[in-house]
Amino acid sequence: MVVVGIDLGGTQIKGGLVDEEKGIIKKMSNPTEVEKGNDRIVENIVKVIKALSNDTKIDAIGIGSPGSIDRDKGIIRFSPNFPNWRDFELTRLIKEKTKLDVFVENDANAFALGEWYFGKAKGLKDFIALTLGTGIGSGVVCNNTFLTGKDGLAPELGHIVVVPNGPICGCGNRGCVEATSSAKYIAKEAQNLLDRYPDSLVLKLAGSKEKIESKHVFQAYEKNDPLATIVANFSIDALARAIGAYVHAFNPEKIIIGGGLSRAGDALFIPLREMTKKYVMSSFVGTYTIEQSSLVEDAGILGAASAALYAEEKNF
């Protein structure tokens, strides 16, 4: 099968022509232009689809979008990147303009499907995929079943509470793993600690307090910077607690981690693997691995394409 995968972002629409066997054949991007309204966004999505498929027969279109998705009806109930999208019938609108089957999936779930079809989960029956970025997204395949829950809202593993009465989370709870281990939290906490550590390498790497990002924290962490060590150890330990809970709940073969924060590489993964051991029962030791996604920049496109491949395969 050949499909188009659309990674729908607030500023850019990234698209790829994807062959089920060969992967991405070609790709392109186009501004989203959210400020110009819903019709323009749809028009820009269609432009990318038509540019990618002008000389190729396409079997279906997959779209990965942040937010709450009704995948059966192809409706985006809510998306943080698109404030005017409330119960937005994206599937119907794209289908009318392209005359092709269209499937919309939450971007974190799409990432998991991308790992299943093209990444480190290929051929596996049990795995968890996590995206660590501004927030923490997740997807789960258990016993060869893609888990989405009764209303299609699952799994929200980023909102497992790991630090009771901890930092406030965007969901309204306190101490969710998203509130303790996301790139957003790490950068903010480093900024908060600068008064105590004004000579921190984190500040030197970033150039100014306002420009501090999680990558600066992990670069400094590798050099044993005191501020970076406090922030990174707290966040990694909280993530390890969450992963321990996921291991107990799902008994996965792999936990695959992508997203911007995963680019910290060994600075993240070596301590994370070690800390997770503290939170896993002895009977689960050695049953799983924690691995960095290999999809990198193409994860969004391949995930969206995989949502279409999966839907076609299951005859949705």
Protein backbone atom coordinates (compact mmCIF):
# COMPACT_ATOMS: atom_id res chain seq x y z
CA MET A 1 0.00 0.00 0.00
CA VAL A 2 1.00 3.61 -0.60
CA VAL A 3 -0.47 6.28 1.66
CA VAL A 4 0.03 9.92 2.51
CA GLY A 5 0.94 10.70 6.12
CA ILE A 6 0.17 14.19 7.43
CA ASP A 7 1.83 15.40 10.62
CA LEU A 8 -0.44 18.28 11.60
CA GLY A 9 1.25 20.97 13.68
CA GLY A 10 0.27 24.44 14.78
CA THR A 11 2.83 26.10 12.51
CA GLN A 12 3.73 23.48 9.89
CA ILE A 13 1.94 20.72 8.01
CA LYS A 14 4.51 18.02 7.29
CA GLY A 15 3.54 15.40 4.76
CA GLY A 16 5.08 12.30 3.28
CA LEU A 17 4.32 9.79 0.56
CA VAL A 18 4.83 6.49 2.36
CA ASP A 19 5.17 2.99 0.95
CA GLU A 20 4.28 0.23 3.41
CA GLU A 21 7.45 -1.66 2.49
CA LYS A 22 9.90 1.11 1.55
CA GLY A 23 8.93 3.83 4.02
CA ILE A 24 9.00 7.51 3.02
CA ILE A 25 9.36 8.04 -0.73
CA LYS A 26 9.16 11.83 -0.64
CA LYS A 27 8.11 14.52 1.80
CA MET A 28 7.34 18.22 2.00
CA SER A 29 5.92 20.83 4.34
CA ASN A 30 3.60 23.82 4.14
CA PRO A 31 2.62 26.54 6.64
CA THR A 32 -0.52 25.69 8.62
CA GLU A 33 -1.76 29.32 8.81
CA VAL A 34 -4.03 28.75 11.81
CA GLU A 35 -4.66 32.49 12.07
CA LYS A 36 -6.38 32.48 8.63
CA GLY A 37 -9.18 30.18 9.76
CA ASN A 38 -10.39 26.63 9.38
CA ASP A 39 -10.99 26.73 5.64
CA ARG A 40 -7.40 27.81 5.00
CA ILE A 41 -6.01 25.05 7.24
CA VAL A 42 -8.00 22.42 5.33
CA GLU A 43 -6.94 23.97 2.02
CA ASN A 44 -3.28 23.81 3.06
CA ILE A 45 -3.59 20.16 4.10
CA VAL A 46 -5.13 19.32 0.72
CA LYS A 47 -2.33 21.19 -1.08
CA VAL A 48 0.27 18.98 0.59
CA ILE A 49 -1.69 15.82 -0.19
CA LYS A 50 -2.11 16.72 -3.86
CA ALA A 51 1.52 17.77 -4.26
CA LEU A 52 2.69 14.44 -2.85
CA SER A 53 0.28 12.29 -4.83
CA ASN A 54 0.13 14.06 -8.21
CA ASP A 55 1.82 11.19 -10.07
CA THR A 56 1.12 8.27 -7.72
CA LYS A 57 -1.96 6.19 -6.94
CA ILE A 58 -2.78 6.67 -3.25
CA ASP A 59 -4.69 4.12 -1.17
CA ALA A 60 -5.51 6.31 1.83
CA ILE A 61 -4.56 9.37 3.89
CA GLY A 62 -3.55 9.32 7.54
CA ILE A 63 -3.49 12.45 9.70
CA GLY A 64 -1.84 12.72 13.11
CA SER A 65 -3.12 15.57 15.26
CA PRO A 66 -2.69 16.55 18.90
CA GLY A 67 -5.88 16.53 20.94
CA SER A 68 -8.91 14.38 21.63
CA ILE A 69 -9.92 12.42 18.54
CA ASP A 70 -13.09 10.49 17.75
CA ARG A 71 -11.38 8.15 15.30
CA ASP A 72 -14.59 6.27 14.37
CA LYS A 73 -16.28 9.46 13.17
CA GLY A 74 -13.12 11.26 12.09
CA ILE A 75 -13.87 14.19 14.36
CA ILE A 76 -11.38 16.25 16.33
CA ARG A 77 -13.18 16.96 19.60
CA PHE A 78 -10.50 19.35 20.82
CA SER A 79 -6.95 20.22 19.83
CA PRO A 80 -4.62 22.62 21.68
CA ASN A 81 -3.05 23.77 18.40
CA PHE A 82 -6.38 24.68 16.81
CA PRO A 83 -8.55 26.70 19.22
CA ASN A 84 -11.51 26.87 16.82
CA TRP A 85 -11.66 23.11 16.32
CA ARG A 86 -14.45 21.84 18.53
CA ASP A 87 -16.08 18.69 17.15
CA PHE A 88 -14.36 19.52 13.87
CA GLU A 89 -15.19 17.09 11.03
CA LEU A 90 -11.72 16.97 9.54
CA THR A 91 -12.09 13.53 7.95
CA ARG A 92 -15.25 14.48 6.05
CA LEU A 93 -13.77 17.73 4.77
CA ILE A 94 -10.54 16.15 3.51
CA LYS A 95 -12.38 13.18 2.03
CA GLU A 96 -14.73 15.46 0.06
CA LYS A 97 -11.78 17.27 -1.49
CA THR A 98 -9.56 14.25 -2.23
CA LYS A 99 -12.09 11.44 -2.80
CA LEU A 100 -9.85 9.16 -0.72
CA ASP A 101 -10.24 7.29 2.56
CA VAL A 102 -9.04 9.52 5.41
CA PHE A 103 -8.14 8.44 8.94
CA VAL A 104 -7.37 10.82 11.81
CA GLU A 105 -5.46 9.69 14.91
CA ASN A 106 -4.11 11.35 18.04
CA ASP A 107 -0.45 12.12 17.38
CA ALA A 108 0.86 10.12 20.36
CA ASN A 109 -1.15 7.05 19.36
CA ALA A 110 0.05 7.59 15.79
CA PHE A 111 3.64 7.60 17.06
CA ALA A 112 3.05 4.17 18.59
CA LEU A 113 1.63 2.87 15.32
CA GLY A 114 4.63 4.33 13.49
CA GLU A 115 6.95 2.38 15.76
CA TRP A 116 4.88 -0.75 15.13
CA TYR A 117 5.01 -0.46 11.33
CA PHE A 118 8.39 1.18 10.75
CA GLY A 119 10.35 1.43 14.00
CA LYS A 120 11.76 -0.61 16.84
CA ALA A 121 8.42 -2.23 17.65
CA LYS A 122 8.09 -3.89 14.24
CA GLY A 123 7.04 -7.49 14.80
CA LEU A 124 6.33 -7.02 18.52
CA LYS A 125 3.08 -7.90 20.28
CA ASP A 126 3.67 -5.95 23.49
CA PHE A 127 5.25 -2.50 23.74
CA ILE A 128 4.76 1.02 25.01
CA ALA A 129 5.67 4.14 23.03
CA LEU A 130 6.25 7.44 24.84
CA THR A 131 6.85 10.87 23.34
CA LEU A 132 8.69 13.24 25.65
CA GLY A 133 8.37 16.85 24.61
CA THR A 134 6.40 19.87 25.82
CA GLY A 135 4.04 17.23 27.18
CA ILE A 136 4.19 13.44 27.43
CA GLY A 137 2.16 11.35 25.01
CA SER A 138 1.75 7.60 24.91
CA GLY A 139 0.54 4.61 22.95
CA VAL A 140 0.24 0.98 24.02
CA VAL A 141 0.07 -2.32 22.17
CA CYS A 142 -0.73 -5.22 24.48
CA ASN A 143 -1.11 -8.82 23.34
CA ASN A 144 -1.04 -7.59 19.71
CA THR A 145 -3.93 -5.20 20.41
CA PHE A 146 -3.71 -1.44 19.94
CA LEU A 147 -5.31 -0.09 23.12
CA THR A 148 -7.57 2.95 22.88
CA GLY A 149 -10.22 2.36 25.57
CA LYS A 150 -14.02 2.53 25.59
CA ASP A 151 -14.23 6.10 24.28
CA GLY A 152 -10.99 6.04 22.32
CA LEU A 153 -9.28 8.41 24.75
CA ALA A 154 -6.69 6.01 26.13
CA PRO A 155 -3.91 5.77 26.99
CA GLU A 156 -2.94 8.97 28.82
CA LEU A 157 0.13 7.61 30.57
CA GLY A 158 1.55 11.11 30.89
CA HIS A 159 -1.07 11.78 33.53
CA ILE A 160 -0.15 9.03 35.95
CA VAL A 161 0.57 10.75 39.28
CA VAL A 162 4.12 10.01 40.41
CA VAL A 163 4.72 12.83 42.92
CA PRO A 164 1.68 13.33 45.20
CA ASN A 165 0.99 17.05 45.67
CA GLY A 166 3.82 17.74 43.22
CA PRO A 167 4.02 20.39 40.49
CA ILE A 168 0.72 21.48 38.94
CA CYS A 169 -0.03 19.82 35.61
CA GLY A 170 -1.86 21.28 32.62
CA CYS A 171 -4.60 18.70 33.20
CA GLY A 172 -5.39 20.21 36.63
CA ASN A 173 -3.84 17.47 38.74
CA ARG A 174 -0.60 17.72 40.69
CA GLY A 175 2.44 15.51 40.26
CA CYS A 176 1.62 13.87 36.93
CA VAL A 177 4.67 12.53 35.13
CA GLU A 178 4.03 15.20 32.48
CA ALA A 179 4.34 17.83 35.21
CA THR A 180 7.63 16.42 36.49
CA SER A 181 9.44 14.98 33.47
CA SER A 182 8.44 16.92 30.35
CA ALA A 183 10.82 19.23 28.49
CA LYS A 184 8.66 22.16 29.57
CA TYR A 185 9.02 21.31 33.27
CA ILE A 186 12.77 20.68 33.05
CA ALA A 187 13.41 24.07 31.42
CA LYS A 188 11.13 25.89 33.86
CA GLU A 189 12.66 24.26 36.93
CA ALA A 190 16.17 25.10 35.72
CA GLN A 191 15.11 28.74 35.37
CA ASN A 192 13.67 28.69 38.90
CA LEU A 193 16.95 27.43 40.38
CA LEU A 194 19.21 29.99 38.74
CA ASP A 195 19.10 32.33 41.74
CA ARG A 196 20.72 29.57 43.79
CA TYR A 197 23.16 28.56 41.04
CA PRO A 198 23.95 31.77 39.11
CA ASP A 199 27.18 30.29 37.73
CA SER A 200 25.49 27.19 36.34
CA LEU A 201 26.72 25.84 33.02
CA VAL A 202 23.05 25.68 31.99
CA LEU A 203 22.94 29.48 31.80
CA LYS A 204 26.19 29.66 29.87
CA LEU A 205 24.91 27.14 27.31
CA ALA A 206 21.56 28.88 26.88
CA GLY A 207 22.90 32.44 26.80
CA SER A 208 20.09 33.85 28.92
CA LYS A 209 17.54 32.67 31.48
CA GLU A 210 14.66 33.02 29.03
CA LYS A 211 16.37 30.83 26.42
CA ILE A 212 16.96 27.83 28.68
CA GLU A 213 15.68 24.58 27.17
CA SER A 214 15.78 21.00 28.37
CA LYS A 215 18.65 20.26 25.98
CA HIS A 216 20.84 22.74 27.86
CA VAL A 217 20.02 21.01 31.14
CA PHE A 218 21.06 17.61 29.79
CA GLN A 219 24.22 18.98 28.20
CA ALA A 220 25.19 20.41 31.58
CA TYR A 221 24.05 17.23 33.36
CA GLU A 222 26.66 15.26 31.40
CA LYS A 223 29.30 17.56 32.89
CA ASN A 224 27.99 17.11 36.46
CA ASP A 225 26.69 20.66 36.76
CA PRO A 226 24.99 20.96 40.21
CA LEU A 227 21.84 22.71 38.98
CA ALA A 228 21.42 20.34 36.06
CA THR A 229 22.01 17.35 38.32
CA ILE A 230 19.22 18.38 40.70
CA VAL A 231 16.71 18.99 37.91
CA ALA A 232 17.58 15.99 35.73
CA ASN A 233 17.77 13.47 38.58
CA PHE A 234 14.37 14.54 39.90
CA SER A 235 12.75 14.35 36.46
CA ILE A 236 14.38 11.07 35.45
CA ASP A 237 13.46 9.46 38.77
CA ALA A 238 9.82 10.54 38.36
CA LEU A 239 9.78 9.13 34.82
CA ALA A 240 11.34 5.90 36.11
CA ARG A 241 8.53 5.54 38.66
CA ALA A 242 5.98 5.93 35.91
CA ILE A 243 7.71 3.40 33.67
CA GLY A 244 7.84 0.95 36.57
CA ALA A 245 4.05 1.27 36.85
CA TYR A 246 3.66 0.77 33.08
CA VAL A 247 5.81 -2.37 33.23
CA HIS A 248 3.64 -3.81 36.00
CA ALA A 249 0.42 -2.93 34.17
CA PHE A 250 1.29 -4.08 30.63
CA ASN A 251 4.36 -6.35 30.81
CA PRO A 252 5.82 -4.83 27.61
CA GLU A 253 8.80 -6.19 25.71
CA LYS A 254 10.00 -2.66 24.93
CA ILE A 255 9.40 0.88 26.12
CA ILE A 256 10.30 3.06 23.13
CA ILE A 257 10.87 6.74 23.78
CA GLY A 258 10.79 9.51 21.19
CA GLY A 259 10.10 13.22 21.11
CA GLY A 260 12.47 16.15 21.53
CA LEU A 261 13.65 15.13 24.98
CA SER A 262 14.79 11.72 23.72
CA ARG A 263 17.54 13.49 21.77
CA ALA A 264 19.41 13.83 25.06
CA GLY A 265 20.55 10.29 24.26
CA ASP A 266 22.70 8.51 26.83
CA ALA A 267 22.42 11.43 29.26
CA LEU A 268 18.77 10.45 29.61
CA PHE A 269 18.68 6.75 28.84
CA ILE A 270 21.57 5.44 30.94
CA PRO A 271 20.28 6.86 34.27
CA LEU A 272 16.65 6.16 33.30
CA ARG A 273 17.35 2.46 32.80
CA GLU A 274 19.17 2.29 36.12
CA MET A 275 16.57 4.23 38.10
CA THR A 276 13.67 2.21 36.67
CA LYS A 277 15.11 -0.93 38.28
CA LYS A 278 14.24 0.53 41.71
CA TYR A 279 10.55 0.57 40.82
CA VAL A 280 10.15 -2.82 39.14
CA MET A 281 9.30 -6.05 40.96
CA SER A 282 12.00 -8.70 40.80
CA SER A 283 9.79 -10.95 38.65
CA PHE A 284 9.79 -8.26 35.92
CA VAL A 285 13.54 -7.64 35.92
CA GLY A 286 15.00 -8.47 32.51
CA THR A 287 11.60 -8.72 30.81
CA TYR A 288 11.75 -5.32 29.09
CA THR A 289 14.14 -2.85 27.49
CA ILE A 290 14.00 0.95 27.36
CA GLU A 291 15.05 2.20 23.94
CA GLN A 292 15.38 5.44 22.01
CA SER A 293 13.16 5.77 18.94
CA SER A 294 14.99 5.61 15.62
CA LEU A 295 12.28 7.45 13.66
CA VAL A 296 13.55 10.91 14.76
CA GLU A 297 12.33 13.73 12.46
CA ASP A 298 10.11 11.39 10.44
CA ALA A 299 8.16 10.06 13.42
CA GLY A 300 5.12 12.30 12.82
CA ILE A 301 4.81 11.48 9.13
CA LEU A 302 5.38 7.74 9.60
CA GLY A 303 2.97 7.70 12.54
CA ALA A 304 0.21 9.37 10.53
CA ALA A 305 0.84 7.05 7.60
CA SER A 306 0.72 4.07 9.94
CA ALA A 307 -2.67 5.20 11.26
CA ALA A 308 -3.98 4.88 7.69
CA LEU A 309 -2.26 1.52 7.15
CA TYR A 310 -3.67 0.20 10.42
CA ALA A 311 -7.18 1.44 9.68
CA GLU A 312 -7.16 -0.06 6.18
CA GLU A 313 -5.83 -3.33 7.54
CA LYS A 314 -8.61 -3.47 10.15
CA ASN A 315 -11.24 -2.29 7.62
CA PHE A 316 -12.29 0.70 9.74
